[in-house]
Amino acid sequence: MMSASVKSSEIIFWNCAHGLVAKIDYVHHYLSVHKPELFFITEAEIKKDKSYLCLSFPGYELHVSKTLVFGCARSAVYVKNNSNFKRNDNLENGSSEILVFENNKLRVCGIYRPFKNIRGFSSHAAFDSLLKNLELVVSCGKDVIVGGDLCELVGKSPT
């Protein structure tokens, strides 16, 4: 788990492994004790058309990546209700596991490059798409924090 404190804001990036539902007790405990402003989670494995009432937590709103439309969102973020961070989904390309939040001084991006191919993309094409998306995210006059799980297999032949 990686943590970044930014002027009294705590921003967490965590690779959940095996899905958020399986580790929801840990997540709820962490949220109640540490109260981070943003809690990014990769490998969340949130499936389309399922009820996830167990994922809700008082004082937080849960956001998932746009890839949910393909059947499964592997990235999620809990945002504290009184946070001044707002989602900027115009910077999320829809084919990458990426979530972007910002306030007036800071842009925070949580990413996940899954080890499985994304529908219609080879591993390298998907990684290139993610990098192009990140170029757009960092092209601003704000400080930028990028965290997450890139899982790129360097040196492996393209598939």
N, C-alpha and C. Protein backbone atom coordinates (compact mmCIF):
# COMPACT_ATOMS: atom_id res chain seq x y z
N MET A 1 0.85 -1.16 0.00
CA MET A 1 0.00 0.00 0.00
C MET A 1 0.89 1.22 0.00
N MET A 2 0.55 2.20 -0.84
CA MET A 2 1.33 3.41 -0.92
C MET A 2 0.45 4.57 -0.47
N SER A 3 1.04 5.47 0.31
CA SER A 3 0.29 6.60 0.84
C SER A 3 1.01 7.89 0.50
N ALA A 4 0.25 8.92 0.18
CA ALA A 4 0.81 10.23 -0.07
C ALA A 4 -0.01 11.25 0.71
N SER A 5 0.64 12.05 1.53
CA SER A 5 -0.07 13.11 2.24
C SER A 5 0.18 14.43 1.53
N VAL A 6 -0.86 15.13 1.24
CA VAL A 6 -0.77 16.40 0.54
C VAL A 6 -1.57 17.42 1.33
N LYS A 7 -0.86 18.25 2.12
CA LYS A 7 -1.51 19.29 2.92
C LYS A 7 -2.77 18.77 3.60
N SER A 8 -2.62 17.89 4.50
CA SER A 8 -3.67 17.28 5.31
C SER A 8 -4.58 16.33 4.54
N SER A 9 -4.32 16.10 3.27
CA SER A 9 -5.08 15.11 2.51
C SER A 9 -4.29 13.82 2.48
N GLU A 10 -4.94 12.73 2.76
CA GLU A 10 -4.27 11.45 2.63
C GLU A 10 -4.84 10.75 1.42
N ILE A 11 -3.93 10.33 0.53
CA ILE A 11 -4.30 9.66 -0.71
C ILE A 11 -3.63 8.29 -0.69
N ILE A 12 -4.42 7.25 -0.83
CA ILE A 12 -3.93 5.88 -0.73
C ILE A 12 -4.10 5.17 -2.08
N PHE A 13 -3.10 4.39 -2.47
CA PHE A 13 -3.17 3.51 -3.63
C PHE A 13 -2.93 2.09 -3.12
N TRP A 14 -3.84 1.17 -3.43
CA TRP A 14 -3.74 -0.19 -2.91
C TRP A 14 -4.11 -1.20 -3.97
N ASN A 15 -3.29 -2.22 -4.15
CA ASN A 15 -3.60 -3.33 -5.03
C ASN A 15 -4.31 -4.39 -4.19
N CYS A 16 -5.59 -4.54 -4.43
CA CYS A 16 -6.46 -5.39 -3.62
C CYS A 16 -6.23 -6.88 -3.85
N ALA A 17 -5.94 -7.30 -5.06
CA ALA A 17 -5.75 -8.71 -5.43
C ALA A 17 -6.92 -9.59 -4.98
N HIS A 18 -7.58 -10.20 -5.90
CA HIS A 18 -8.70 -11.12 -5.69
C HIS A 18 -10.04 -10.43 -5.43
N GLY A 19 -10.12 -9.15 -5.67
CA GLY A 19 -11.41 -8.48 -5.63
C GLY A 19 -11.75 -7.78 -4.33
N LEU A 20 -12.44 -6.68 -4.47
CA LEU A 20 -12.83 -5.84 -3.35
C LEU A 20 -13.81 -6.53 -2.40
N VAL A 21 -14.74 -7.29 -2.94
CA VAL A 21 -15.73 -7.96 -2.10
C VAL A 21 -15.05 -8.89 -1.10
N ALA A 22 -14.02 -9.59 -1.55
CA ALA A 22 -13.32 -10.55 -0.67
C ALA A 22 -12.58 -9.86 0.47
N LYS A 23 -12.29 -8.57 0.31
CA LYS A 23 -11.50 -7.86 1.33
C LYS A 23 -12.23 -6.64 1.88
N ILE A 24 -13.54 -6.65 1.77
CA ILE A 24 -14.31 -5.47 2.16
C ILE A 24 -14.20 -5.17 3.66
N ASP A 25 -14.08 -6.17 4.51
CA ASP A 25 -13.93 -5.91 5.95
C ASP A 25 -12.66 -5.12 6.22
N TYR A 26 -11.57 -5.50 5.56
CA TYR A 26 -10.31 -4.76 5.70
C TYR A 26 -10.47 -3.32 5.22
N VAL A 27 -11.10 -3.13 4.05
CA VAL A 27 -11.29 -1.79 3.49
C VAL A 27 -12.13 -0.93 4.43
N HIS A 28 -13.24 -1.46 4.91
CA HIS A 28 -14.09 -0.70 5.83
C HIS A 28 -13.33 -0.34 7.11
N HIS A 29 -12.54 -1.25 7.62
CA HIS A 29 -11.74 -0.96 8.82
C HIS A 29 -10.74 0.16 8.52
N TYR A 30 -10.06 0.07 7.39
CA TYR A 30 -9.07 1.09 7.03
C TYR A 30 -9.74 2.46 6.88
N LEU A 31 -10.88 2.51 6.20
CA LEU A 31 -11.59 3.78 6.02
C LEU A 31 -12.01 4.37 7.37
N SER A 32 -12.48 3.53 8.28
CA SER A 32 -12.96 4.03 9.56
C SER A 32 -11.82 4.52 10.46
N VAL A 33 -10.67 3.89 10.37
CA VAL A 33 -9.53 4.27 11.23
C VAL A 33 -8.74 5.44 10.64
N HIS A 34 -8.41 5.37 9.36
CA HIS A 34 -7.49 6.34 8.75
C HIS A 34 -8.19 7.49 8.03
N LYS A 35 -9.41 7.29 7.59
CA LYS A 35 -10.22 8.32 6.94
C LYS A 35 -9.50 9.06 5.81
N PRO A 36 -8.94 8.32 4.83
CA PRO A 36 -8.25 9.00 3.72
C PRO A 36 -9.23 9.79 2.88
N GLU A 37 -8.72 10.81 2.22
CA GLU A 37 -9.58 11.61 1.35
C GLU A 37 -9.88 10.84 0.06
N LEU A 38 -8.87 10.17 -0.49
CA LEU A 38 -9.01 9.33 -1.68
C LEU A 38 -8.37 7.98 -1.38
N PHE A 39 -9.07 6.90 -1.71
CA PHE A 39 -8.55 5.55 -1.50
C PHE A 39 -8.72 4.79 -2.81
N PHE A 40 -7.66 4.78 -3.64
CA PHE A 40 -7.68 4.10 -4.93
C PHE A 40 -7.41 2.61 -4.74
N ILE A 41 -8.17 1.78 -5.45
CA ILE A 41 -8.04 0.33 -5.33
C ILE A 41 -7.94 -0.28 -6.72
N THR A 42 -6.88 -1.07 -6.96
CA THR A 42 -6.78 -1.82 -8.21
C THR A 42 -7.10 -3.28 -7.94
N GLU A 43 -7.43 -4.00 -9.01
CA GLU A 43 -7.90 -5.38 -8.95
C GLU A 43 -9.17 -5.48 -8.09
N ALA A 44 -10.03 -4.49 -8.23
CA ALA A 44 -11.29 -4.45 -7.48
C ALA A 44 -12.28 -5.51 -7.97
N GLU A 45 -12.22 -5.85 -9.25
CA GLU A 45 -13.07 -6.90 -9.84
C GLU A 45 -14.56 -6.68 -9.57
N ILE A 46 -15.05 -5.52 -9.90
CA ILE A 46 -16.47 -5.20 -9.74
C ILE A 46 -17.17 -5.54 -11.05
N LYS A 47 -18.06 -6.50 -10.99
CA LYS A 47 -18.74 -7.02 -12.17
C LYS A 47 -20.02 -6.25 -12.46
N LYS A 48 -20.30 -6.10 -13.74
CA LYS A 48 -21.51 -5.43 -14.20
C LYS A 48 -22.74 -6.26 -13.81
N ASP A 49 -23.83 -5.57 -13.54
CA ASP A 49 -25.12 -6.20 -13.26
C ASP A 49 -25.16 -7.02 -11.98
N LYS A 50 -24.32 -6.68 -11.01
CA LYS A 50 -24.38 -7.33 -9.70
C LYS A 50 -24.64 -6.25 -8.65
N SER A 51 -25.29 -6.64 -7.58
CA SER A 51 -25.53 -5.71 -6.48
C SER A 51 -24.32 -5.70 -5.55
N TYR A 52 -23.87 -4.52 -5.23
CA TYR A 52 -22.70 -4.39 -4.36
C TYR A 52 -23.01 -3.47 -3.18
N LEU A 53 -24.12 -3.68 -2.54
CA LEU A 53 -24.47 -2.86 -1.38
C LEU A 53 -23.42 -2.97 -0.29
N CYS A 54 -22.76 -4.12 -0.19
CA CYS A 54 -21.74 -4.32 0.84
C CYS A 54 -20.53 -3.40 0.64
N LEU A 55 -20.36 -2.83 -0.54
CA LEU A 55 -19.21 -1.97 -0.80
C LEU A 55 -19.40 -0.55 -0.29
N SER A 56 -20.64 -0.16 -0.05
CA SER A 56 -20.87 1.22 0.41
C SER A 56 -20.31 1.40 1.82
N PHE A 57 -19.89 2.63 2.10
CA PHE A 57 -19.34 2.95 3.41
C PHE A 57 -19.77 4.36 3.78
N PRO A 58 -20.32 4.56 5.00
CA PRO A 58 -20.80 5.89 5.39
C PRO A 58 -19.70 6.96 5.29
N GLY A 59 -20.04 8.08 4.69
CA GLY A 59 -19.10 9.19 4.56
C GLY A 59 -18.26 9.13 3.31
N TYR A 60 -18.46 8.10 2.47
CA TYR A 60 -17.68 7.95 1.24
C TYR A 60 -18.58 7.63 0.06
N GLU A 61 -18.13 8.06 -1.12
CA GLU A 61 -18.78 7.69 -2.37
C GLU A 61 -17.81 6.81 -3.15
N LEU A 62 -18.31 5.71 -3.69
CA LEU A 62 -17.49 4.78 -4.45
C LEU A 62 -17.63 5.07 -5.94
N HIS A 63 -16.50 5.24 -6.61
CA HIS A 63 -16.47 5.43 -8.07
C HIS A 63 -15.74 4.24 -8.67
N VAL A 64 -16.17 3.80 -9.87
CA VAL A 64 -15.49 2.71 -10.57
C VAL A 64 -15.09 3.19 -11.96
N SER A 65 -14.11 2.50 -12.55
CA SER A 65 -13.62 2.89 -13.88
C SER A 65 -14.69 2.67 -14.94
N LYS A 66 -14.53 3.38 -16.04
CA LYS A 66 -15.48 3.30 -17.15
C LYS A 66 -15.49 1.94 -17.83
N THR A 67 -14.50 1.11 -17.57
CA THR A 67 -14.46 -0.21 -18.19
C THR A 67 -15.57 -1.12 -17.69
N LEU A 68 -16.33 -0.68 -16.72
CA LEU A 68 -17.47 -1.47 -16.24
C LEU A 68 -18.43 -1.78 -17.39
N VAL A 69 -18.52 -0.90 -18.38
CA VAL A 69 -19.41 -1.14 -19.52
C VAL A 69 -19.00 -2.39 -20.29
N PHE A 70 -17.73 -2.82 -20.17
CA PHE A 70 -17.27 -4.05 -20.83
C PHE A 70 -17.51 -5.28 -19.96
N GLY A 71 -18.07 -5.09 -18.76
CA GLY A 71 -18.41 -6.22 -17.91
C GLY A 71 -17.73 -6.25 -16.57
N CYS A 72 -16.58 -5.58 -16.43
CA CYS A 72 -15.85 -5.64 -15.18
C CYS A 72 -14.98 -4.39 -15.01
N ALA A 73 -15.09 -3.76 -13.87
CA ALA A 73 -14.22 -2.63 -13.52
C ALA A 73 -13.18 -3.14 -12.55
N ARG A 74 -11.93 -2.95 -12.89
CA ARG A 74 -10.85 -3.43 -12.02
C ARG A 74 -10.26 -2.31 -11.18
N SER A 75 -10.72 -1.08 -11.40
CA SER A 75 -10.25 0.06 -10.62
C SER A 75 -11.44 0.75 -9.96
N ALA A 76 -11.22 1.15 -8.72
CA ALA A 76 -12.26 1.84 -7.96
C ALA A 76 -11.57 2.85 -7.04
N VAL A 77 -12.35 3.79 -6.54
CA VAL A 77 -11.82 4.75 -5.58
C VAL A 77 -12.94 5.16 -4.64
N TYR A 78 -12.62 5.19 -3.35
CA TYR A 78 -13.52 5.75 -2.35
C TYR A 78 -13.12 7.22 -2.18
N VAL A 79 -14.11 8.11 -2.27
CA VAL A 79 -13.87 9.55 -2.12
C VAL A 79 -14.65 10.03 -0.91
N LYS A 80 -13.95 10.66 0.02
CA LYS A 80 -14.61 11.18 1.22
C LYS A 80 -15.65 12.22 0.80
N ASN A 81 -16.84 12.17 1.41
CA ASN A 81 -17.94 13.04 1.02
C ASN A 81 -17.61 14.53 1.09
N ASN A 82 -16.86 14.96 2.08
CA ASN A 82 -16.55 16.38 2.21
C ASN A 82 -15.26 16.76 1.48
N SER A 83 -14.77 15.89 0.62
CA SER A 83 -13.54 16.14 -0.12
C SER A 83 -13.73 17.25 -1.14
N ASN A 84 -12.66 17.99 -1.40
CA ASN A 84 -12.74 18.98 -2.47
C ASN A 84 -12.23 18.40 -3.79
N PHE A 85 -11.95 17.09 -3.83
CA PHE A 85 -11.57 16.43 -5.07
C PHE A 85 -12.84 16.03 -5.83
N LYS A 86 -12.84 16.33 -7.12
CA LYS A 86 -13.96 15.97 -8.00
C LYS A 86 -13.43 15.13 -9.16
N ARG A 87 -14.24 14.23 -9.61
CA ARG A 87 -13.84 13.36 -10.72
C ARG A 87 -13.81 14.16 -12.02
N ASN A 88 -12.77 13.94 -12.81
CA ASN A 88 -12.68 14.52 -14.15
C ASN A 88 -12.67 13.37 -15.14
N ASP A 89 -13.87 12.85 -15.43
CA ASP A 89 -13.94 11.68 -16.30
C ASP A 89 -13.69 12.03 -17.77
N ASN A 90 -13.56 13.32 -18.10
CA ASN A 90 -13.18 13.71 -19.45
C ASN A 90 -11.74 13.27 -19.76
N LEU A 91 -10.96 13.01 -18.72
CA LEU A 91 -9.58 12.57 -18.90
C LEU A 91 -9.43 11.05 -18.82
N GLU A 92 -10.53 10.35 -18.76
CA GLU A 92 -10.52 8.88 -18.69
C GLU A 92 -10.96 8.35 -20.05
N ASN A 93 -10.09 7.61 -20.74
CA ASN A 93 -10.39 7.25 -22.13
C ASN A 93 -11.39 6.11 -22.30
N GLY A 94 -11.79 5.45 -21.26
CA GLY A 94 -12.83 4.42 -21.36
C GLY A 94 -12.32 3.03 -21.72
N SER A 95 -11.12 2.94 -22.29
CA SER A 95 -10.56 1.63 -22.59
C SER A 95 -9.42 1.29 -21.63
N SER A 96 -9.06 2.22 -20.78
CA SER A 96 -8.03 1.99 -19.77
C SER A 96 -8.66 2.00 -18.39
N GLU A 97 -8.04 1.28 -17.49
CA GLU A 97 -8.47 1.30 -16.08
C GLU A 97 -7.82 2.53 -15.46
N ILE A 98 -8.52 3.65 -15.55
CA ILE A 98 -7.96 4.91 -15.07
C ILE A 98 -9.07 5.73 -14.42
N LEU A 99 -8.75 6.35 -13.29
CA LEU A 99 -9.67 7.23 -12.59
C LEU A 99 -8.91 8.52 -12.27
N VAL A 100 -9.51 9.67 -12.59
CA VAL A 100 -8.84 10.96 -12.41
C VAL A 100 -9.69 11.85 -11.52
N PHE A 101 -9.06 12.37 -10.47
CA PHE A 101 -9.71 13.31 -9.55
C PHE A 101 -8.81 14.53 -9.40
N GLU A 102 -9.43 15.69 -9.19
CA GLU A 102 -8.63 16.89 -9.03
C GLU A 102 -9.35 17.92 -8.17
N ASN A 103 -8.53 18.81 -7.61
CA ASN A 103 -9.05 19.99 -6.95
C ASN A 103 -8.37 21.18 -7.62
N ASN A 104 -8.41 22.36 -7.01
CA ASN A 104 -7.89 23.53 -7.69
C ASN A 104 -6.36 23.54 -7.82
N LYS A 105 -5.64 22.68 -7.09
CA LYS A 105 -4.18 22.67 -7.14
C LYS A 105 -3.56 21.34 -7.55
N LEU A 106 -4.31 20.26 -7.46
CA LEU A 106 -3.71 18.95 -7.60
C LEU A 106 -4.60 18.04 -8.44
N ARG A 107 -3.96 17.25 -9.31
CA ARG A 107 -4.66 16.21 -10.07
C ARG A 107 -4.10 14.86 -9.62
N VAL A 108 -4.98 13.91 -9.31
CA VAL A 108 -4.58 12.59 -8.83
C VAL A 108 -5.17 11.54 -9.77
N CYS A 109 -4.32 10.64 -10.21
CA CYS A 109 -4.73 9.63 -11.18
C CYS A 109 -4.38 8.25 -10.66
N GLY A 110 -5.37 7.38 -10.58
CA GLY A 110 -5.16 5.99 -10.22
C GLY A 110 -5.29 5.14 -11.46
N ILE A 111 -4.31 4.27 -11.71
CA ILE A 111 -4.32 3.46 -12.92
C ILE A 111 -4.09 1.99 -12.60
N TYR A 112 -4.55 1.15 -13.51
CA TYR A 112 -4.29 -0.27 -13.43
C TYR A 112 -4.11 -0.79 -14.84
N ARG A 113 -2.97 -1.38 -15.10
CA ARG A 113 -2.72 -2.03 -16.39
C ARG A 113 -2.82 -3.52 -16.12
N PRO A 114 -3.98 -4.11 -16.44
CA PRO A 114 -4.18 -5.53 -16.10
C PRO A 114 -3.24 -6.45 -16.85
N PHE A 115 -2.99 -7.60 -16.28
CA PHE A 115 -2.14 -8.60 -16.92
C PHE A 115 -2.87 -9.30 -18.05
N LYS A 116 -4.20 -9.21 -18.06
CA LYS A 116 -4.99 -9.81 -19.14
C LYS A 116 -5.17 -8.78 -20.25
N ASN A 117 -5.27 -9.25 -21.49
CA ASN A 117 -5.51 -8.33 -22.59
C ASN A 117 -6.90 -7.73 -22.48
N ILE A 118 -6.99 -6.47 -22.84
CA ILE A 118 -8.26 -5.78 -22.89
C ILE A 118 -8.87 -6.08 -24.26
N ARG A 119 -10.16 -6.29 -24.31
CA ARG A 119 -10.83 -6.65 -25.55
C ARG A 119 -10.42 -5.71 -26.69
N GLY A 120 -9.92 -6.29 -27.76
CA GLY A 120 -9.56 -5.52 -28.94
C GLY A 120 -8.17 -4.92 -28.92
N PHE A 121 -7.40 -5.13 -27.86
CA PHE A 121 -6.06 -4.57 -27.76
C PHE A 121 -5.06 -5.68 -27.45
N SER A 122 -3.89 -5.62 -28.09
CA SER A 122 -2.79 -6.47 -27.65
C SER A 122 -2.25 -5.86 -26.36
N SER A 123 -1.41 -6.57 -25.65
CA SER A 123 -0.84 -6.05 -24.40
C SER A 123 -0.11 -4.74 -24.64
N HIS A 124 0.69 -4.70 -25.70
CA HIS A 124 1.46 -3.48 -25.97
C HIS A 124 0.58 -2.34 -26.45
N ALA A 125 -0.44 -2.63 -27.25
CA ALA A 125 -1.35 -1.59 -27.72
C ALA A 125 -2.13 -1.00 -26.54
N ALA A 126 -2.55 -1.86 -25.62
CA ALA A 126 -3.27 -1.38 -24.44
C ALA A 126 -2.37 -0.50 -23.58
N PHE A 127 -1.10 -0.90 -23.42
CA PHE A 127 -0.16 -0.10 -22.64
C PHE A 127 0.10 1.24 -23.32
N ASP A 128 0.25 1.24 -24.65
CA ASP A 128 0.44 2.48 -25.40
C ASP A 128 -0.76 3.41 -25.24
N SER A 129 -1.97 2.84 -25.26
CA SER A 129 -3.19 3.63 -25.07
C SER A 129 -3.20 4.28 -23.68
N LEU A 130 -2.79 3.50 -22.68
CA LEU A 130 -2.72 4.02 -21.31
C LEU A 130 -1.70 5.15 -21.22
N LEU A 131 -0.53 4.98 -21.85
CA LEU A 131 0.49 6.03 -21.82
C LEU A 131 0.01 7.31 -22.50
N LYS A 132 -0.71 7.19 -23.62
CA LYS A 132 -1.26 8.37 -24.29
C LYS A 132 -2.28 9.06 -23.38
N ASN A 133 -3.08 8.27 -22.69
CA ASN A 133 -4.04 8.83 -21.74
C ASN A 133 -3.32 9.56 -20.62
N LEU A 134 -2.23 8.99 -20.12
CA LEU A 134 -1.46 9.63 -19.06
C LEU A 134 -0.80 10.93 -19.52
N GLU A 135 -0.37 10.99 -20.78
CA GLU A 135 0.18 12.24 -21.32
C GLU A 135 -0.85 13.35 -21.22
N LEU A 136 -2.09 13.04 -21.52
CA LEU A 136 -3.17 14.03 -21.41
C LEU A 136 -3.39 14.43 -19.95
N VAL A 137 -3.36 13.45 -19.06
CA VAL A 137 -3.60 13.70 -17.63
C VAL A 137 -2.55 14.66 -17.06
N VAL A 138 -1.29 14.47 -17.43
CA VAL A 138 -0.22 15.28 -16.83
C VAL A 138 -0.01 16.63 -17.54
N SER A 139 -0.69 16.86 -18.64
CA SER A 139 -0.53 18.13 -19.36
C SER A 139 -1.47 19.19 -18.79
N CYS A 140 -1.11 19.70 -17.63
CA CYS A 140 -1.92 20.71 -16.96
C CYS A 140 -0.99 21.57 -16.11
N GLY A 141 -1.51 22.64 -15.58
CA GLY A 141 -0.70 23.52 -14.74
C GLY A 141 -0.73 23.14 -13.27
N LYS A 142 -1.14 21.93 -12.97
CA LYS A 142 -1.26 21.48 -11.59
C LYS A 142 -0.18 20.47 -11.26
N ASP A 143 0.07 20.27 -9.98
CA ASP A 143 0.88 19.14 -9.56
C ASP A 143 0.07 17.88 -9.82
N VAL A 144 0.74 16.80 -10.19
CA VAL A 144 0.06 15.56 -10.55
C VAL A 144 0.66 14.41 -9.74
N ILE A 145 -0.21 13.58 -9.20
CA ILE A 145 0.19 12.33 -8.55
C ILE A 145 -0.42 11.20 -9.37
N VAL A 146 0.44 10.26 -9.80
CA VAL A 146 -0.03 9.08 -10.52
C VAL A 146 0.40 7.87 -9.70
N GLY A 147 -0.55 7.01 -9.40
CA GLY A 147 -0.25 5.80 -8.65
C GLY A 147 -1.06 4.65 -9.20
N GLY A 148 -0.67 3.46 -8.85
CA GLY A 148 -1.43 2.30 -9.27
C GLY A 148 -0.54 1.12 -9.58
N ASP A 149 -0.99 0.29 -10.51
CA ASP A 149 -0.33 -0.96 -10.85
C ASP A 149 -0.20 -1.03 -12.37
N LEU A 150 1.05 -0.94 -12.88
CA LEU A 150 1.26 -0.95 -14.33
C LEU A 150 1.41 -2.34 -14.92
N CYS A 151 1.95 -3.28 -14.21
CA CYS A 151 2.02 -4.69 -14.63
C CYS A 151 2.38 -4.87 -16.11
N GLU A 152 3.35 -4.12 -16.60
CA GLU A 152 3.81 -4.30 -17.97
C GLU A 152 4.93 -5.33 -17.98
N LEU A 153 4.84 -6.28 -18.84
CA LEU A 153 5.84 -7.35 -18.92
C LEU A 153 6.94 -6.90 -19.87
N VAL A 154 7.92 -6.23 -19.33
CA VAL A 154 9.02 -5.69 -20.12
C VAL A 154 9.82 -6.84 -20.72
N GLY A 155 10.11 -6.73 -22.01
CA GLY A 155 10.92 -7.74 -22.67
C GLY A 155 10.12 -8.90 -23.24
N LYS A 156 8.85 -8.97 -22.93
CA LYS A 156 8.02 -10.05 -23.48
C LYS A 156 7.62 -9.68 -24.90
N SER A 157 7.54 -10.65 -25.78
CA SER A 157 7.17 -10.35 -27.16
C SER A 157 5.73 -9.87 -27.22
N PRO A 158 5.43 -8.92 -28.15
CA PRO A 158 4.07 -8.39 -28.27
C PRO A 158 3.06 -9.47 -28.61
N THR A 159 1.86 -9.35 -28.02
CA THR A 159 0.78 -10.29 -28.32
C THR A 159 -0.43 -9.55 -28.81
